[in-house]
Amino acid sequence: MALPWLLERVRRREGGVASLEALRARLAFGTFDEFIERWVWKCGFLDRYEDFESLAESVLDALAGLGVVHVEPSISPGDYEKAHGLRAPGVVEAVLRGMERATRAHGITCGLVVDLIRNHGPATAARRLEEITPYRGQGVVAVGLGGSEVEYPPGPFAEVYAEAARRGFHRTAHAGEVAGPGSIREALDTLGVERIDHGIRAVEDAALVARLAREAVPLAVCPTSNVRTGAVSDYDAHPLRRLYDAGVRVTVNSDDPTFFGASVLDELELCLTTLGFAPGELAVLTANAADAAFLDATARERLRARIRSGWASLAGRA
């Protein structure tokens, strides 16, 4: 979400935030709890279906401008149902319309992940699965599970995820960001996830790291977010390099640039300048992302080819 886009929506409803500087100050946070408070505040300004259409197009336009060719963003429709009575189907349809326009304009491809939101409980997650099922294969590719890992572990969502698998959805979940390695193991064993969001605390369990490497489970790692929320104390302590060296299929991602101020290019630059990665290893990280994408074999090979071509072009200009 671009800050100017958000500022326009904030001004529509209240006059207390008059500039980008004031908005940045309002979104600033020092703890994970403060981040959640700012997140909820921000969600309060997306109160119309057309906001989501505009937002999706804006986000993909910006990503295409950075050279991104495929993205699998996550959206949490339940946040907006609670705040504004916007139903999940309407939100999803609006996002898909915006995504489609950006795809036509730029060639960027997109698969939407719908967050079932663990804090709302398994019954609500089951209802949301029903609501989004008509959009599987129409732009929605997967279900996810965000929210508080510590308060809401994965286990109670096992049946919802089993049903999602029966319906043909891919499955991912936040695990091992704030909670420990057990959160990751439980997501793998009870939810059958194909990808883990964050997963950085796997490094605390050598057997789990070996399993992730052996089973080629992708981790969607967001270094700046991990440091900014306090999940990791500082960049020197970030385990991305150790996980990579252990053979885990790590990928590098931006979390929410509105809050964390880091695009996916910024994250890759961070890997190069701070986290100990060589230029050739950045190509491996992006290849890992292609392998982790929720695509069929033909689309994945097209994505791999686009990535190889991009890196070859960069090497030719070096």
C-alpha atoms as a PDB file:
ATOM      1  CA  MET A   1       0.000   0.000   0.000  1.00  0.00           C
ATOM      2  CA  ALA A   2       1.503   3.313  -1.087  1.00  0.00           C
ATOM      3  CA  LEU A   3       1.534   6.067   1.501  1.00  0.00           C
ATOM      4  CA  PRO A   4      -0.017   8.689  -0.842  1.00  0.00           C
ATOM      5  CA  TRP A   5      -2.858   6.264  -1.566  1.00  0.00           C
ATOM      6  CA  LEU A   6      -3.481   5.754   2.146  1.00  0.00           C
ATOM      7  CA  LEU A   7      -3.208   9.470   2.908  1.00  0.00           C
ATOM      8  CA  GLU A   8      -5.993  10.181   0.445  1.00  0.00           C
ATOM      9  CA  ARG A   9      -8.271   7.714   2.281  1.00  0.00           C
ATOM     10  CA  VAL A  10      -7.331   9.098   5.692  1.00  0.00           C
ATOM     11  CA  ARG A  11      -8.155  12.629   4.569  1.00  0.00           C
ATOM     12  CA  ARG A  12     -11.506  11.389   3.302  1.00  0.00           C
ATOM     13  CA  ARG A  13     -12.586  10.478   6.799  1.00  0.00           C
ATOM     14  CA  GLU A  14     -10.624  12.658   9.218  1.00  0.00           C
ATOM     15  CA  GLY A  15      -8.528  15.796   9.095  1.00  0.00           C
ATOM     16  CA  GLY A  16      -5.925  15.090  11.750  1.00  0.00           C
ATOM     17  CA  VAL A  17      -3.337  13.670   9.360  1.00  0.00           C
ATOM     18  CA  ALA A  18      -2.541  16.347   6.784  1.00  0.00           C
ATOM     19  CA  SER A  19       0.772  15.268   5.240  1.00  0.00           C
ATOM     20  CA  LEU A  20       2.875  12.230   4.393  1.00  0.00           C
ATOM     21  CA  GLU A  21       5.185  13.133   7.284  1.00  0.00           C
ATOM     22  CA  ALA A  22       2.263  13.151   9.703  1.00  0.00           C
ATOM     23  CA  LEU A  23       1.067   9.827   8.329  1.00  0.00           C
ATOM     24  CA  ARG A  24       4.501   8.275   8.737  1.00  0.00           C
ATOM     25  CA  ALA A  25       4.540   9.497  12.337  1.00  0.00           C
ATOM     26  CA  ARG A  26       1.093   7.986  12.987  1.00  0.00           C
ATOM     27  CA  LEU A  27       2.203   4.636  11.586  1.00  0.00           C
ATOM     28  CA  ALA A  28       5.495   4.523  13.506  1.00  0.00           C
ATOM     29  CA  PHE A  29       5.772   1.790  16.134  1.00  0.00           C
ATOM     30  CA  GLY A  30       8.286   0.449  18.606  1.00  0.00           C
ATOM     31  CA  THR A  31       6.771  -2.866  19.680  1.00  0.00           C
ATOM     32  CA  PHE A  32       4.781  -5.668  18.074  1.00  0.00           C
ATOM     33  CA  ASP A  33       1.656  -4.606  19.999  1.00  0.00           C
ATOM     34  CA  GLU A  34       2.044  -1.055  18.697  1.00  0.00           C
ATOM     35  CA  PHE A  35       2.387  -2.444  15.171  1.00  0.00           C
ATOM     36  CA  ILE A  36      -0.929  -4.300  15.564  1.00  0.00           C
ATOM     37  CA  GLU A  37      -2.619  -1.118  16.832  1.00  0.00           C
ATOM     38  CA  ARG A  38      -1.370   0.844  13.808  1.00  0.00           C
ATOM     39  CA  TRP A  39      -2.439  -1.965  11.505  1.00  0.00           C
ATOM     40  CA  VAL A  40      -5.981  -1.926  12.878  1.00  0.00           C
ATOM     41  CA  TRP A  41      -6.080   1.878  12.611  1.00  0.00           C
ATOM     42  CA  LYS A  42      -4.997   1.705   8.970  1.00  0.00           C
ATOM     43  CA  CYS A  43      -7.625  -0.922   8.162  1.00  0.00           C
ATOM     44  CA  GLY A  44     -10.304   1.476   9.373  1.00  0.00           C
ATOM     45  CA  PHE A  45      -9.839   3.638   6.288  1.00  0.00           C
ATOM     46  CA  LEU A  46     -10.573   0.923   3.746  1.00  0.00           C
ATOM     47  CA  ASP A  47     -14.342   1.028   4.019  1.00  0.00           C
ATOM     48  CA  ARG A  48     -15.531   0.660   0.429  1.00  0.00           C
ATOM     49  CA  TYR A  49     -15.180  -2.209  -2.003  1.00  0.00           C
ATOM     50  CA  GLU A  50     -13.746   0.133  -4.624  1.00  0.00           C
ATOM     51  CA  ASP A  51     -10.901   0.939  -2.203  1.00  0.00           C
ATOM     52  CA  PHE A  52      -9.667  -2.624  -2.581  1.00  0.00           C
ATOM     53  CA  GLU A  53      -9.882  -2.521  -6.352  1.00  0.00           C
ATOM     54  CA  SER A  54      -7.853   0.685  -6.456  1.00  0.00           C
ATOM     55  CA  LEU A  55      -5.407  -0.587  -3.841  1.00  0.00           C
ATOM     56  CA  ALA A  56      -4.727  -3.869  -5.641  1.00  0.00           C
ATOM     57  CA  GLU A  57      -4.049  -2.082  -8.906  1.00  0.00           C
ATOM     58  CA  SER A  58      -1.818   0.465  -7.146  1.00  0.00           C
ATOM     59  CA  VAL A  59       0.234  -2.206  -5.368  1.00  0.00           C
ATOM     60  CA  LEU A  60       0.799  -4.253  -8.518  1.00  0.00           C
ATOM     61  CA  ASP A  61       1.633  -1.126 -10.533  1.00  0.00           C
ATOM     62  CA  ALA A  62       4.326  -0.281  -7.973  1.00  0.00           C
ATOM     63  CA  LEU A  63       5.701  -3.831  -7.934  1.00  0.00           C
ATOM     64  CA  ALA A  64       5.846  -3.962 -11.718  1.00  0.00           C
ATOM     65  CA  GLY A  65       7.804  -0.713 -11.606  1.00  0.00           C
ATOM     66  CA  LEU A  66      10.383  -2.475  -9.421  1.00  0.00           C
ATOM     67  CA  GLY A  67      10.751  -5.277 -11.947  1.00  0.00           C
ATOM     68  CA  VAL A  68       8.618  -7.822 -10.063  1.00  0.00           C
ATOM     69  CA  VAL A  69       7.068 -10.304 -12.503  1.00  0.00           C
ATOM     70  CA  HIS A  70       4.965 -12.464 -10.149  1.00  0.00           C
ATOM     71  CA  VAL A  71       3.509 -11.804  -6.706  1.00  0.00           C
ATOM     72  CA  GLU A  72       1.366 -13.761  -4.256  1.00  0.00           C
ATOM     73  CA  PRO A  73       0.034 -11.190  -1.797  1.00  0.00           C
ATOM     74  CA  SER A  74      -2.071 -11.991   1.227  1.00  0.00           C
ATOM     75  CA  ILE A  75      -5.314 -10.256   2.133  1.00  0.00           C
ATOM     76  CA  SER A  76      -7.335 -10.570   5.348  1.00  0.00           C
ATOM     77  CA  PRO A  77     -10.994  -9.887   4.417  1.00  0.00           C
ATOM     78  CA  GLY A  78     -12.145 -10.612   7.950  1.00  0.00           C
ATOM     79  CA  ASP A  79     -10.457  -7.449   9.213  1.00  0.00           C
ATOM     80  CA  TYR A  80     -12.790  -5.362   7.076  1.00  0.00           C
ATOM     81  CA  GLU A  81     -15.934  -7.366   7.743  1.00  0.00           C
ATOM     82  CA  LYS A  82     -15.495  -6.679  11.438  1.00  0.00           C
ATOM     83  CA  ALA A  83     -14.757  -2.972  10.961  1.00  0.00           C
ATOM     84  CA  HIS A  84     -17.123  -2.028   8.142  1.00  0.00           C
ATOM     85  CA  GLY A  85     -19.418  -4.936   7.350  1.00  0.00           C
ATOM     86  CA  LEU A  86     -17.666  -5.592   4.042  1.00  0.00           C
ATOM     87  CA  ARG A  87     -18.175  -9.224   3.074  1.00  0.00           C
ATOM     88  CA  ALA A  88     -15.271 -11.395   1.987  1.00  0.00           C
ATOM     89  CA  PRO A  89     -16.663 -12.148  -1.508  1.00  0.00           C
ATOM     90  CA  GLY A  90     -17.031  -8.450  -2.293  1.00  0.00           C
ATOM     91  CA  VAL A  91     -13.520  -7.664  -1.056  1.00  0.00           C
ATOM     92  CA  VAL A  92     -12.003 -10.568  -3.004  1.00  0.00           C
ATOM     93  CA  GLU A  93     -13.851  -9.652  -6.191  1.00  0.00           C
ATOM     94  CA  ALA A  94     -12.673  -6.049  -5.920  1.00  0.00           C
ATOM     95  CA  VAL A  95      -9.051  -7.116  -5.391  1.00  0.00           C
ATOM     96  CA  LEU A  96      -9.220  -9.479  -8.358  1.00  0.00           C
ATOM     97  CA  ARG A  97     -10.540  -6.709 -10.607  1.00  0.00           C
ATOM     98  CA  GLY A  98      -7.650  -4.453  -9.626  1.00  0.00           C
ATOM     99  CA  MET A  99      -5.150  -7.260 -10.115  1.00  0.00           C
ATOM    100  CA  GLU A 100      -6.525  -8.023 -13.565  1.00  0.00           C
ATOM    101  CA  ARG A 101      -6.117  -4.426 -14.712  1.00  0.00           C
ATOM    102  CA  ALA A 102      -2.500  -4.340 -13.525  1.00  0.00           C
ATOM    103  CA  THR A 103      -1.787  -7.643 -15.257  1.00  0.00           C
ATOM    104  CA  ARG A 104      -3.149  -6.308 -18.535  1.00  0.00           C
ATOM    105  CA  ALA A 105      -1.127  -3.121 -18.173  1.00  0.00           C
ATOM    106  CA  HIS A 106       2.223  -4.570 -17.098  1.00  0.00           C
ATOM    107  CA  GLY A 107       2.286  -8.331 -17.606  1.00  0.00           C
ATOM    108  CA  ILE A 108       2.830  -8.930 -13.881  1.00  0.00           C
ATOM    109  CA  THR A 109       1.082 -12.111 -12.749  1.00  0.00           C
ATOM    110  CA  CYS A 110      -0.550 -12.590  -9.377  1.00  0.00           C
ATOM    111  CA  GLY A 111      -2.085 -15.276  -7.187  1.00  0.00           C
ATOM    112  CA  LEU A 112      -4.064 -14.146  -4.160  1.00  0.00           C
ATOM    113  CA  VAL A 113      -3.671 -15.768  -0.734  1.00  0.00           C
ATOM    114  CA  VAL A 114      -6.670 -15.298   1.575  1.00  0.00           C
ATOM    115  CA  ASP A 115      -5.795 -15.131   5.268  1.00  0.00           C
ATOM    116  CA  LEU A 116      -8.323 -17.078   7.366  1.00  0.00           C
ATOM    117  CA  ILE A 117      -7.124 -15.152  10.474  1.00  0.00           C
ATOM    118  CA  ARG A 118      -6.430 -17.504  13.367  1.00  0.00           C
ATOM    119  CA  ASN A 119      -7.631 -14.944  15.947  1.00  0.00           C
ATOM    120  CA  HIS A 120     -11.198 -15.288  14.629  1.00  0.00           C
ATOM    121  CA  GLY A 121     -11.272 -19.030  15.360  1.00  0.00           C
ATOM    122  CA  PRO A 122     -11.836 -22.213  13.316  1.00  0.00           C
ATOM    123  CA  ALA A 123     -15.598 -21.729  12.842  1.00  0.00           C
ATOM    124  CA  THR A 124     -15.106 -18.347  11.198  1.00  0.00           C
ATOM    125  CA  ALA A 125     -12.232 -19.767   9.161  1.00  0.00           C
ATOM    126  CA  ALA A 126     -14.541 -22.515   7.888  1.00  0.00           C
ATOM    127  CA  ARG A 127     -17.165 -19.943   6.913  1.00  0.00           C
ATOM    128  CA  ARG A 128     -14.565 -17.851   5.124  1.00  0.00           C
ATOM    129  CA  LEU A 129     -13.392 -20.911   3.207  1.00  0.00           C
ATOM    130  CA  GLU A 130     -16.958 -21.371   1.974  1.00  0.00           C
ATOM    131  CA  GLU A 131     -17.112 -17.735   0.904  1.00  0.00           C
ATOM    132  CA  ILE A 132     -13.907 -17.811  -1.122  1.00  0.00           C
ATOM    133  CA  THR A 133     -14.288 -21.238  -2.714  1.00  0.00           C
ATOM    134  CA  PRO A 134     -15.974 -19.850  -5.877  1.00  0.00           C
ATOM    135  CA  TYR A 135     -12.794 -17.839  -6.554  1.00  0.00           C
ATOM    136  CA  ARG A 136     -10.359 -20.750  -6.442  1.00  0.00           C
ATOM    137  CA  GLY A 137      -8.759 -20.908  -9.846  1.00  0.00           C
ATOM    138  CA  GLN A 138     -10.150 -17.469 -10.652  1.00  0.00           C
ATOM    139  CA  GLY A 139      -7.239 -15.609  -9.070  1.00  0.00           C
ATOM    140  CA  VAL A 140      -7.315 -16.997  -5.518  1.00  0.00           C
ATOM    141  CA  VAL A 141      -4.659 -19.677  -5.163  1.00  0.00           C
ATOM    142  CA  ALA A 142      -4.238 -20.371  -1.454  1.00  0.00           C
ATOM    143  CA  VAL A 143      -5.383 -19.948   2.111  1.00  0.00           C
ATOM    144  CA  GLY A 144      -3.115 -18.586   4.823  1.00  0.00           C
ATOM    145  CA  LEU A 145      -3.235 -18.237   8.580  1.00  0.00           C
ATOM    146  CA  GLY A 146      -2.055 -14.941  10.069  1.00  0.00           C
ATOM    147  CA  GLY A 147      -2.546 -13.478  13.512  1.00  0.00           C
ATOM    148  CA  SER A 148      -1.176 -14.372  16.923  1.00  0.00           C
ATOM    149  CA  GLU A 149       0.819 -17.600  16.777  1.00  0.00           C
ATOM    150  CA  VAL A 150       1.182 -17.758  20.536  1.00  0.00           C
ATOM    151  CA  GLU A 151      -2.498 -17.346  21.427  1.00  0.00           C
ATOM    152  CA  TYR A 152      -3.899 -19.321  18.493  1.00  0.00           C
ATOM    153  CA  PRO A 153      -1.737 -22.317  17.521  1.00  0.00           C
ATOM    154  CA  PRO A 154      -2.333 -24.143  14.228  1.00  0.00           C
ATOM    155  CA  GLY A 155      -3.845 -27.384  15.534  1.00  0.00           C
ATOM    156  CA  PRO A 156      -7.513 -26.309  15.865  1.00  0.00           C
ATOM    157  CA  PHE A 157      -7.536 -25.316  12.171  1.00  0.00           C
ATOM    158  CA  ALA A 158      -6.584 -28.795  10.950  1.00  0.00           C
ATOM    159  CA  GLU A 159     -10.032 -29.694   9.615  1.00  0.00           C
ATOM    160  CA  VAL A 160     -10.441 -26.357   7.848  1.00  0.00           C
ATOM    161  CA  TYR A 161      -7.092 -26.877   6.124  1.00  0.00           C
ATOM    162  CA  ALA A 162      -7.952 -30.462   5.226  1.00  0.00           C
ATOM    163  CA  GLU A 163     -11.139 -29.198   3.598  1.00  0.00           C
ATOM    164  CA  ALA A 164      -9.194 -26.460   1.808  1.00  0.00           C
ATOM    165  CA  ALA A 165      -6.881 -29.132   0.398  1.00  0.00           C
ATOM    166  CA  ARG A 166      -9.866 -31.211  -0.754  1.00  0.00           C
ATOM    167  CA  ARG A 167     -11.151 -28.129  -2.581  1.00  0.00           C
ATOM    168  CA  GLY A 168      -7.859 -27.613  -4.364  1.00  0.00           C
ATOM    169  CA  PHE A 169      -6.420 -24.675  -2.418  1.00  0.00           C
ATOM    170  CA  HIS A 170      -2.729 -24.387  -1.742  1.00  0.00           C
ATOM    171  CA  ARG A 171      -1.919 -23.856   1.946  1.00  0.00           C
ATOM    172  CA  THR A 172       0.489 -21.633   3.828  1.00  0.00           C
ATOM    173  CA  ALA A 173       0.577 -20.278   7.381  1.00  0.00           C
ATOM    174  CA  HIS A 174       2.477 -17.844   9.585  1.00  0.00           C
ATOM    175  CA  ALA A 175       4.628 -19.938  11.890  1.00  0.00           C
ATOM    176  CA  GLY A 176       7.938 -19.625  13.662  1.00  0.00           C
ATOM    177  CA  GLU A 177       8.024 -15.842  13.641  1.00  0.00           C
ATOM    178  CA  VAL A 178       7.063 -15.058  17.236  1.00  0.00           C
ATOM    179  CA  ALA A 179       6.338 -18.589  18.447  1.00  0.00           C
ATOM    180  CA  GLY A 180       9.115 -21.180  18.481  1.00  0.00           C
ATOM    181  CA  PRO A 181       9.995 -24.156  16.287  1.00  0.00           C
ATOM    182  CA  GLY A 182       6.992 -26.099  17.588  1.00  0.00           C
ATOM    183  CA  SER A 183       4.724 -23.682  15.736  1.00  0.00           C
ATOM    184  CA  ILE A 184       6.383 -24.635  12.442  1.00  0.00           C
ATOM    185  CA  ARG A 185       6.264 -28.341  13.155  1.00  0.00           C
ATOM    186  CA  GLU A 186       2.589 -28.132  14.086  1.00  0.00           C
ATOM    187  CA  ALA A 187       1.771 -26.210  10.902  1.00  0.00           C
ATOM    188  CA  LEU A 188       3.505 -28.876   8.831  1.00  0.00           C
ATOM    189  CA  ASP A 189       2.021 -31.856  10.656  1.00  0.00           C
ATOM    190  CA  THR A 190      -1.533 -30.702  11.357  1.00  0.00           C
ATOM    191  CA  LEU A 191      -2.220 -28.254   8.535  1.00  0.00           C
ATOM    192  CA  GLY A 192      -0.225 -29.874   5.756  1.00  0.00           C
ATOM    193  CA  VAL A 193       1.121 -26.505   4.638  1.00  0.00           C
ATOM    194  CA  GLU A 194       3.235 -26.310   1.502  1.00  0.00           C
ATOM    195  CA  ARG A 195       4.977 -23.093   2.495  1.00  0.00           C
ATOM    196  CA  ILE A 196       5.765 -21.338   5.766  1.00  0.00           C
ATOM    197  CA  ASP A 197       5.459 -17.588   6.222  1.00  0.00           C
ATOM    198  CA  HIS A 198       8.508 -16.392   8.197  1.00  0.00           C
ATOM    199  CA  GLY A 199       9.698 -19.645   9.824  1.00  0.00           C
ATOM    200  CA  ILE A 200      12.877 -18.026  11.117  1.00  0.00           C
ATOM    201  CA  ARG A 201      12.777 -19.658  14.548  1.00  0.00           C
ATOM    202  CA  ALA A 202      13.340 -23.030  12.913  1.00  0.00           C
ATOM    203  CA  VAL A 203      17.029 -22.205  13.387  1.00  0.00           C
ATOM    204  CA  GLU A 204      16.607 -23.040  17.078  1.00  0.00           C
ATOM    205  CA  ASP A 205      15.948 -26.723  16.264  1.00  0.00           C
ATOM    206  CA  ALA A 206      18.591 -28.541  14.210  1.00  0.00           C
ATOM    207  CA  ALA A 207      16.291 -31.498  13.489  1.00  0.00           C
ATOM    208  CA  LEU A 208      13.603 -29.176  12.165  1.00  0.00           C
ATOM    209  CA  VAL A 209      16.103 -27.320   9.976  1.00  0.00           C
ATOM    210  CA  ALA A 210      17.235 -30.661   8.541  1.00  0.00           C
ATOM    211  CA  ARG A 211      13.610 -31.612   7.880  1.00  0.00           C
ATOM    212  CA  LEU A 212      12.853 -28.325   6.115  1.00  0.00           C
ATOM    213  CA  ALA A 213      15.910 -28.803   3.906  1.00  0.00           C
ATOM    214  CA  ARG A 214      15.135 -32.470   3.210  1.00  0.00           C
ATOM    215  CA  GLU A 215      11.482 -31.794   2.348  1.00  0.00           C
ATOM    216  CA  ALA A 216      12.286 -28.576   0.434  1.00  0.00           C
ATOM    217  CA  VAL A 217       9.723 -26.595   2.437  1.00  0.00           C
ATOM    218  CA  PRO A 218       9.934 -22.944   1.368  1.00  0.00           C
ATOM    219  CA  LEU A 219      10.221 -20.214   3.975  1.00  0.00           C
ATOM    220  CA  ALA A 220       8.932 -16.750   3.016  1.00  0.00           C
ATOM    221  CA  VAL A 221      11.326 -14.610   5.065  1.00  0.00           C
ATOM    222  CA  CYS A 222      10.926 -10.847   5.609  1.00  0.00           C
ATOM    223  CA  PRO A 223      14.137  -9.594   7.261  1.00  0.00           C
ATOM    224  CA  THR A 224      13.186  -5.944   7.807  1.00  0.00           C
ATOM    225  CA  SER A 225       9.827  -6.883   9.293  1.00  0.00           C
ATOM    226  CA  ASN A 226      11.483  -9.408  11.607  1.00  0.00           C
ATOM    227  CA  VAL A 227      13.787  -6.754  13.033  1.00  0.00           C
ATOM    228  CA  ARG A 228      11.229  -3.955  13.157  1.00  0.00           C
ATOM    229  CA  THR A 229       8.674  -6.061  15.081  1.00  0.00           C
ATOM    230  CA  GLY A 230      11.311  -7.406  17.468  1.00  0.00           C
ATOM    231  CA  ALA A 231      11.050 -11.002  16.300  1.00  0.00           C
ATOM    232  CA  VAL A 232      14.823 -10.712  15.763  1.00  0.00           C
ATOM    233  CA  SER A 233      16.931  -8.351  17.864  1.00  0.00           C
ATOM    234  CA  ASP A 234      19.003  -6.938  14.995  1.00  0.00           C
ATOM    235  CA  TYR A 235      20.311  -7.821  11.538  1.00  0.00           C
ATOM    236  CA  ASP A 236      23.449  -9.428  12.947  1.00  0.00           C
ATOM    237  CA  ALA A 237      21.218 -11.936  14.712  1.00  0.00           C
ATOM    238  CA  HIS A 238      18.980 -12.639  11.720  1.00  0.00           C
ATOM    239  CA  PRO A 239      19.088 -16.367  10.845  1.00  0.00           C
ATOM    240  CA  LEU A 240      18.493 -16.071   7.079  1.00  0.00           C
ATOM    241  CA  ARG A 241      22.120 -16.788   6.218  1.00  0.00           C
ATOM    242  CA  ARG A 242      22.274 -19.795   8.536  1.00  0.00           C
ATOM    243  CA  LEU A 243      19.078 -21.252   7.109  1.00  0.00           C
ATOM    244  CA  TYR A 244      20.346 -20.750   3.569  1.00  0.00           C
ATOM    245  CA  ASP A 245      23.668 -22.424   4.384  1.00  0.00           C
ATOM    246  CA  ALA A 246      21.779 -25.366   5.905  1.00  0.00           C
ATOM    247  CA  GLY A 247      20.046 -25.967   2.562  1.00  0.00           C
ATOM    248  CA  VAL A 248      16.614 -24.605   3.495  1.00  0.00           C
ATOM    249  CA  ARG A 249      14.668 -23.188   0.551  1.00  0.00           C
ATOM    250  CA  VAL A 250      14.499 -19.623   1.828  1.00  0.00           C
ATOM    251  CA  THR A 251      12.955 -16.799  -0.155  1.00  0.00           C
ATOM    252  CA  VAL A 252      13.201 -13.068   0.521  1.00  0.00           C
ATOM    253  CA  ASN A 253      10.064 -10.953   0.645  1.00  0.00           C
ATOM    254  CA  SER A 254       8.800  -7.541   1.658  1.00  0.00           C
ATOM    255  CA  ASP A 255       6.177  -7.575   4.384  1.00  0.00           C
ATOM    256  CA  ASP A 256       4.083  -4.394   4.317  1.00  0.00           C
ATOM    257  CA  PRO A 257       6.194  -1.562   2.843  1.00  0.00           C
ATOM    258  CA  THR A 258       3.742   0.997   4.253  1.00  0.00           C
ATOM    259  CA  PHE A 259       4.816   0.048   7.769  1.00  0.00           C
ATOM    260  CA  PHE A 260       8.294  -1.307   7.309  1.00  0.00           C
ATOM    261  CA  GLY A 261       9.573   1.019   4.595  1.00  0.00           C
ATOM    262  CA  ALA A 262      11.263  -1.752   2.620  1.00  0.00           C
ATOM    263  CA  SER A 263      10.422  -3.019  -0.853  1.00  0.00           C
ATOM    264  CA  VAL A 264      11.473  -6.440  -2.109  1.00  0.00           C
ATOM    265  CA  LEU A 265      14.439  -4.746  -3.828  1.00  0.00           C
ATOM    266  CA  ASP A 266      15.389  -3.172  -0.514  1.00  0.00           C
ATOM    267  CA  GLU A 267      15.297  -6.613   1.096  1.00  0.00           C
ATOM    268  CA  LEU A 268      17.552  -8.072  -1.595  1.00  0.00           C
ATOM    269  CA  GLU A 269      19.948  -5.149  -1.187  1.00  0.00           C
ATOM    270  CA  LEU A 270      19.946  -5.800   2.553  1.00  0.00           C
ATOM    271  CA  CYS A 271      20.942  -9.402   1.869  1.00  0.00           C
ATOM    272  CA  LEU A 272      23.831  -8.161  -0.236  1.00  0.00           C
ATOM    273  CA  THR A 273      25.095  -5.396   2.037  1.00  0.00           C
ATOM    274  CA  THR A 274      24.285  -6.647   5.533  1.00  0.00           C
ATOM    275  CA  LEU A 275      23.286 -10.315   5.675  1.00  0.00           C
ATOM    276  CA  GLY A 276      26.330 -11.760   3.929  1.00  0.00           C
ATOM    277  CA  PHE A 277      24.977 -12.841   0.538  1.00  0.00           C
ATOM    278  CA  ALA A 278      26.944 -12.688  -2.699  1.00  0.00           C
ATOM    279  CA  PRO A 279      25.333 -11.430  -5.936  1.00  0.00           C
ATOM    280  CA  GLY A 280      25.036 -14.936  -7.351  1.00  0.00           C
ATOM    281  CA  GLU A 281      23.238 -16.060  -4.220  1.00  0.00           C
ATOM    282  CA  LEU A 282      20.566 -13.413  -4.783  1.00  0.00           C
ATOM    283  CA  ALA A 283      19.775 -15.249  -8.016  1.00  0.00           C
ATOM    284  CA  VAL A 284      19.326 -18.429  -5.986  1.00  0.00           C
ATOM    285  CA  LEU A 285      16.942 -16.655  -3.595  1.00  0.00           C
ATOM    286  CA  THR A 286      14.779 -15.477  -6.490  1.00  0.00           C
ATOM    287  CA  ALA A 287      14.899 -18.921  -8.104  1.00  0.00           C
ATOM    288  CA  ASN A 288      13.723 -20.336  -4.768  1.00  0.00           C
ATOM    289  CA  ALA A 289      10.794 -17.920  -4.906  1.00  0.00           C
ATOM    290  CA  ALA A 290       9.811 -19.216  -8.340  1.00  0.00           C
ATOM    291  CA  ASP A 291       9.986 -22.790  -7.062  1.00  0.00           C
ATOM    292  CA  ALA A 292       7.826 -21.836  -4.067  1.00  0.00           C
ATOM    293  CA  ALA A 293       5.135 -20.090  -6.117  1.00  0.00           C
ATOM    294  CA  PHE A 294       1.660 -21.618  -6.183  1.00  0.00           C
ATOM    295  CA  LEU A 295       1.682 -22.202  -9.946  1.00  0.00           C
ATOM    296  CA  ASP A 296       1.141 -25.131 -12.244  1.00  0.00           C
ATOM    297  CA  ALA A 297       4.212 -26.642 -13.891  1.00  0.00           C
ATOM    298  CA  THR A 298       3.873 -24.691 -17.134  1.00  0.00           C
ATOM    299  CA  ALA A 299       3.402 -21.317 -15.444  1.00  0.00           C
ATOM    300  CA  ARG A 300       6.253 -22.029 -13.012  1.00  0.00           C
ATOM    301  CA  GLU A 301       8.636 -22.801 -15.864  1.00  0.00           C
ATOM    302  CA  ARG A 302       7.635 -19.560 -17.595  1.00  0.00           C
ATOM    303  CA  LEU A 303       8.365 -17.720 -14.355  1.00  0.00           C
ATOM    304  CA  ARG A 304      11.731 -19.428 -13.980  1.00  0.00           C
ATOM    305  CA  ALA A 305      12.602 -18.447 -17.539  1.00  0.00           C
ATOM    306  CA  ARG A 306      11.679 -14.807 -16.913  1.00  0.00           C
ATOM    307  CA  ILE A 307      13.842 -14.760 -13.786  1.00  0.00           C
ATOM    308  CA  ARG A 308      16.801 -16.387 -15.556  1.00  0.00           C
ATOM    309  CA  SER A 309      16.480 -13.872 -18.371  1.00  0.00           C
ATOM    310  CA  GLY A 310      16.404 -10.991 -15.907  1.00  0.00           C
ATOM    311  CA  TRP A 311      19.546 -12.112 -14.100  1.00  0.00           C
ATOM    312  CA  ALA A 312      21.322 -12.747 -17.403  1.00  0.00           C
ATOM    313  CA  SER A 313      20.453  -9.229 -18.508  1.00  0.00           C
ATOM    314  CA  LEU A 314      21.836  -7.790 -15.270  1.00  0.00           C
ATOM    315  CA  ALA A 315      25.025  -9.816 -15.625  1.00  0.00           C
ATOM    316  CA  GLY A 316      25.427  -8.540 -19.174  1.00  0.00           C
ATOM    317  CA  ARG A 317      25.275  -4.936 -18.004  1.00  0.00           C
ATOM    318  CA  ALA A 318      27.710  -5.478 -15.112  1.00  0.00           C
END
